[in-house]
Amino acid sequence: QVQLVESGGGLVQVGGSLRLTCAASGRTNSGYAMGWFRQAPGKEREFVAAISWRGSSTDYADSVKGRFTISRDNAKNTLYLQMNTLKPEDTAVYYCASRDSFLGGPARTSSNYAYWGQGTQVTVSS
């Protein structure tokens, strides 16, 4: 069974940076696209970024484009999200997710993802 564990969240001031990490276990994730989503209090879960299985293709929500970078290290079975120039509206629980479609492309819709981590809290203070 695939397990995803996020880490790296925390409290940061406006304009600061954080790097989230998602460690996968249970299978080699190198053949599967992965993504990051977030959910703020009282709001629905939303797409943040996604990356293809090889890392050659990425996609970002408009709200984070130019500030966040998604990457992966398939040798380590790990996904990353580098977040720079953080804003208060970035405050949310961040989740990593993995598709179950072998060699499938990155996707923005949460229903395309079969496996989810437990989430890590990111709080940006002003």
C-alpha atoms as a PDB file:
ATOM      1  CA  GLN A   1       0.000   0.000   0.000  1.00  0.00           C
ATOM      2  CA  VAL A   2       1.275   3.444  -0.922  1.00  0.00           C
ATOM      3  CA  GLN A   3       1.970   5.786   1.948  1.00  0.00           C
ATOM      4  CA  LEU A   4       2.791   9.471   1.621  1.00  0.00           C
ATOM      5  CA  VAL A   5       4.202  11.480   4.502  1.00  0.00           C
ATOM      6  CA  GLU A   6       4.588  15.250   4.294  1.00  0.00           C
ATOM      7  CA  SER A   7       6.970  17.318   6.370  1.00  0.00           C
ATOM      8  CA  GLY A   8       8.480  20.781   6.403  1.00  0.00           C
ATOM      9  CA  GLY A   9       5.470  22.862   7.309  1.00  0.00           C
ATOM     10  CA  GLY A  10       5.544  25.499  10.010  1.00  0.00           C
ATOM     11  CA  LEU A  11       5.108  29.137  10.894  1.00  0.00           C
ATOM     12  CA  VAL A  12       6.817  31.703   8.686  1.00  0.00           C
ATOM     13  CA  GLN A  13       6.567  35.448   8.222  1.00  0.00           C
ATOM     14  CA  VAL A  14       5.270  37.138   5.109  1.00  0.00           C
ATOM     15  CA  GLY A  15       7.886  37.012   2.389  1.00  0.00           C
ATOM     16  CA  GLY A  16       9.595  33.996   3.872  1.00  0.00           C
ATOM     17  CA  SER A  17      10.248  30.562   2.429  1.00  0.00           C
ATOM     18  CA  LEU A  18       9.552  26.951   3.279  1.00  0.00           C
ATOM     19  CA  ARG A  19      10.291  23.669   1.559  1.00  0.00           C
ATOM     20  CA  LEU A  20       7.796  20.864   1.901  1.00  0.00           C
ATOM     21  CA  THR A  21       8.840  17.268   1.468  1.00  0.00           C
ATOM     22  CA  CYS A  22       6.683  14.256   0.692  1.00  0.00           C
ATOM     23  CA  ALA A  23       8.246  10.853   1.256  1.00  0.00           C
ATOM     24  CA  ALA A  24       6.596   7.948  -0.520  1.00  0.00           C
ATOM     25  CA  SER A  25       6.759   4.309   0.515  1.00  0.00           C
ATOM     26  CA  GLY A  26       5.046   1.094  -0.438  1.00  0.00           C
ATOM     27  CA  ARG A  27       5.948   1.298  -4.104  1.00  0.00           C
ATOM     28  CA  THR A  28       8.412   2.996  -6.400  1.00  0.00           C
ATOM     29  CA  ASN A  29       6.646   6.206  -7.326  1.00  0.00           C
ATOM     30  CA  SER A  30       8.843   7.077 -10.252  1.00  0.00           C
ATOM     31  CA  GLY A  31       6.235   6.052 -12.830  1.00  0.00           C
ATOM     32  CA  TYR A  32       3.429   8.156 -11.411  1.00  0.00           C
ATOM     33  CA  ALA A  33       2.581  11.835 -11.583  1.00  0.00           C
ATOM     34  CA  MET A  34       2.284  13.606  -8.258  1.00  0.00           C
ATOM     35  CA  GLY A  35       0.842  16.824  -6.980  1.00  0.00           C
ATOM     36  CA  TRP A  36       0.390  19.226  -4.116  1.00  0.00           C
ATOM     37  CA  PHE A  37      -2.959  20.505  -2.910  1.00  0.00           C
ATOM     38  CA  ARG A  38      -3.930  22.731  -0.012  1.00  0.00           C
ATOM     39  CA  GLN A  39      -6.958  23.427   2.120  1.00  0.00           C
ATOM     40  CA  ALA A  40      -7.514  26.554   4.147  1.00  0.00           C
ATOM     41  CA  PRO A  41     -10.050  26.692   7.015  1.00  0.00           C
ATOM     42  CA  GLY A  42     -13.578  26.911   5.681  1.00  0.00           C
ATOM     43  CA  LYS A  43     -12.470  26.416   2.090  1.00  0.00           C
ATOM     44  CA  GLU A  44     -12.375  23.533  -0.319  1.00  0.00           C
ATOM     45  CA  ARG A  45      -9.179  21.716  -1.148  1.00  0.00           C
ATOM     46  CA  GLU A  46      -7.457  23.367  -4.086  1.00  0.00           C
ATOM     47  CA  PHE A  47      -4.780  22.475  -6.568  1.00  0.00           C
ATOM     48  CA  VAL A  48      -1.336  23.963  -6.041  1.00  0.00           C
ATOM     49  CA  ALA A  49       1.120  22.202  -8.348  1.00  0.00           C
ATOM     50  CA  ALA A  50       1.689  18.931 -10.179  1.00  0.00           C
ATOM     51  CA  ILE A  51       4.595  17.171 -11.821  1.00  0.00           C
ATOM     52  CA  SER A  52       4.900  14.392 -14.365  1.00  0.00           C
ATOM     53  CA  TRP A  53       6.386  11.030 -13.509  1.00  0.00           C
ATOM     54  CA  ARG A  54       9.745  11.959 -14.981  1.00  0.00           C
ATOM     55  CA  GLY A  55       9.696  15.521 -13.703  1.00  0.00           C
ATOM     56  CA  SER A  56       9.858  16.986 -17.187  1.00  0.00           C
ATOM     57  CA  SER A  57       6.425  18.592 -17.054  1.00  0.00           C
ATOM     58  CA  THR A  58       4.998  20.788 -14.306  1.00  0.00           C
ATOM     59  CA  ASP A  59       1.797  22.723 -13.759  1.00  0.00           C
ATOM     60  CA  TYR A  60       0.947  25.445 -11.243  1.00  0.00           C
ATOM     61  CA  ALA A  61      -2.096  27.249  -9.987  1.00  0.00           C
ATOM     62  CA  ASP A  62      -2.049  30.890 -11.039  1.00  0.00           C
ATOM     63  CA  SER A  63      -1.941  31.963  -7.402  1.00  0.00           C
ATOM     64  CA  VAL A  64       1.464  30.339  -6.828  1.00  0.00           C
ATOM     65  CA  LYS A  65       3.067  30.558 -10.268  1.00  0.00           C
ATOM     66  CA  GLY A  66       6.471  32.217 -10.048  1.00  0.00           C
ATOM     67  CA  ARG A  67       6.682  31.721  -6.280  1.00  0.00           C
ATOM     68  CA  PHE A  68       6.424  27.945  -5.810  1.00  0.00           C
ATOM     69  CA  THR A  69       8.477  25.213  -7.463  1.00  0.00           C
ATOM     70  CA  ILE A  70       7.542  21.548  -7.515  1.00  0.00           C
ATOM     71  CA  SER A  71      10.252  18.960  -8.036  1.00  0.00           C
ATOM     72  CA  ARG A  72      10.920  15.302  -7.396  1.00  0.00           C
ATOM     73  CA  ASP A  73      13.814  12.957  -6.788  1.00  0.00           C
ATOM     74  CA  ASN A  74      12.783   9.555  -8.049  1.00  0.00           C
ATOM     75  CA  ALA A  75      15.902   7.917  -6.687  1.00  0.00           C
ATOM     76  CA  LYS A  76      14.745   8.978  -3.207  1.00  0.00           C
ATOM     77  CA  ASN A  77      11.030   8.437  -3.901  1.00  0.00           C
ATOM     78  CA  THR A  78      10.475  12.001  -2.708  1.00  0.00           C
ATOM     79  CA  LEU A  79       8.443  14.996  -3.842  1.00  0.00           C
ATOM     80  CA  TYR A  80       9.222  18.602  -2.938  1.00  0.00           C
ATOM     81  CA  LEU A  81       7.496  21.957  -2.941  1.00  0.00           C
ATOM     82  CA  GLN A  82       9.724  24.999  -2.587  1.00  0.00           C
ATOM     83  CA  MET A  83       7.605  27.946  -1.499  1.00  0.00           C
ATOM     84  CA  ASN A  84       9.063  31.451  -1.714  1.00  0.00           C
ATOM     85  CA  THR A  85       7.647  34.910  -1.106  1.00  0.00           C
ATOM     86  CA  LEU A  86       4.921  33.455   1.057  1.00  0.00           C
ATOM     87  CA  LYS A  87       1.728  35.398   1.634  1.00  0.00           C
ATOM     88  CA  PRO A  88      -0.932  35.154   4.364  1.00  0.00           C
ATOM     89  CA  GLU A  89      -3.319  33.621   1.821  1.00  0.00           C
ATOM     90  CA  ASP A  90      -0.919  30.683   1.452  1.00  0.00           C
ATOM     91  CA  THR A  91      -1.863  29.599   4.965  1.00  0.00           C
ATOM     92  CA  ALA A  92      -3.375  26.120   4.715  1.00  0.00           C
ATOM     93  CA  VAL A  93      -2.824  22.447   5.278  1.00  0.00           C
ATOM     94  CA  TYR A  94      -0.752  21.170   2.374  1.00  0.00           C
ATOM     95  CA  TYR A  95      -1.236  17.659   1.034  1.00  0.00           C
ATOM     96  CA  CYS A  96       0.815  15.645  -1.397  1.00  0.00           C
ATOM     97  CA  ALA A  97      -0.895  13.156  -3.655  1.00  0.00           C
ATOM     98  CA  SER A  98       0.049  10.466  -6.129  1.00  0.00           C
ATOM     99  CA  ARG A  99      -1.783   9.265  -9.184  1.00  0.00           C
ATOM    100  CA  ASP A 100      -2.385   5.576  -9.777  1.00  0.00           C
ATOM    101  CA  SER A 101      -2.211   5.845 -13.559  1.00  0.00           C
ATOM    102  CA  PHE A 102       1.173   4.531 -14.677  1.00  0.00           C
ATOM    103  CA  LEU A 103       2.989   7.129 -16.791  1.00  0.00           C
ATOM    104  CA  GLY A 104      -0.028   9.391 -16.584  1.00  0.00           C
ATOM    105  CA  GLY A 105       0.467  13.130 -16.783  1.00  0.00           C
ATOM    106  CA  PRO A 106       0.094  15.752 -14.067  1.00  0.00           C
ATOM    107  CA  ALA A 107      -3.476  16.617 -13.204  1.00  0.00           C
ATOM    108  CA  ARG A 108      -5.259  19.496 -11.473  1.00  0.00           C
ATOM    109  CA  THR A 109      -8.320  17.617 -10.261  1.00  0.00           C
ATOM    110  CA  SER A 110      -8.094  15.884  -6.911  1.00  0.00           C
ATOM    111  CA  SER A 111     -10.196  12.963  -8.131  1.00  0.00           C
ATOM    112  CA  ASN A 112      -7.299  12.000 -10.405  1.00  0.00           C
ATOM    113  CA  TYR A 113      -5.183  11.162  -7.382  1.00  0.00           C
ATOM    114  CA  ALA A 114      -5.498   7.850  -5.585  1.00  0.00           C
ATOM    115  CA  TYR A 115      -3.142   8.319  -2.654  1.00  0.00           C
ATOM    116  CA  TRP A 116      -2.878  11.183  -0.189  1.00  0.00           C
ATOM    117  CA  GLY A 117      -0.695  12.168   2.699  1.00  0.00           C
ATOM    118  CA  GLN A 118      -1.973  13.335   6.054  1.00  0.00           C
ATOM    119  CA  GLY A 119      -1.049  16.962   5.409  1.00  0.00           C
ATOM    120  CA  THR A 120       1.318  19.490   6.919  1.00  0.00           C
ATOM    121  CA  GLN A 121       0.283  22.897   8.269  1.00  0.00           C
ATOM    122  CA  VAL A 122       1.753  26.042   6.752  1.00  0.00           C
ATOM    123  CA  THR A 123       0.999  29.301   8.515  1.00  0.00           C
ATOM    124  CA  VAL A 124       2.138  32.637   7.137  1.00  0.00           C
ATOM    125  CA  SER A 125       1.966  35.487   9.617  1.00  0.00           C
ATOM    126  CA  SER A 126       1.750  39.148   8.661  1.00  0.00           C
END
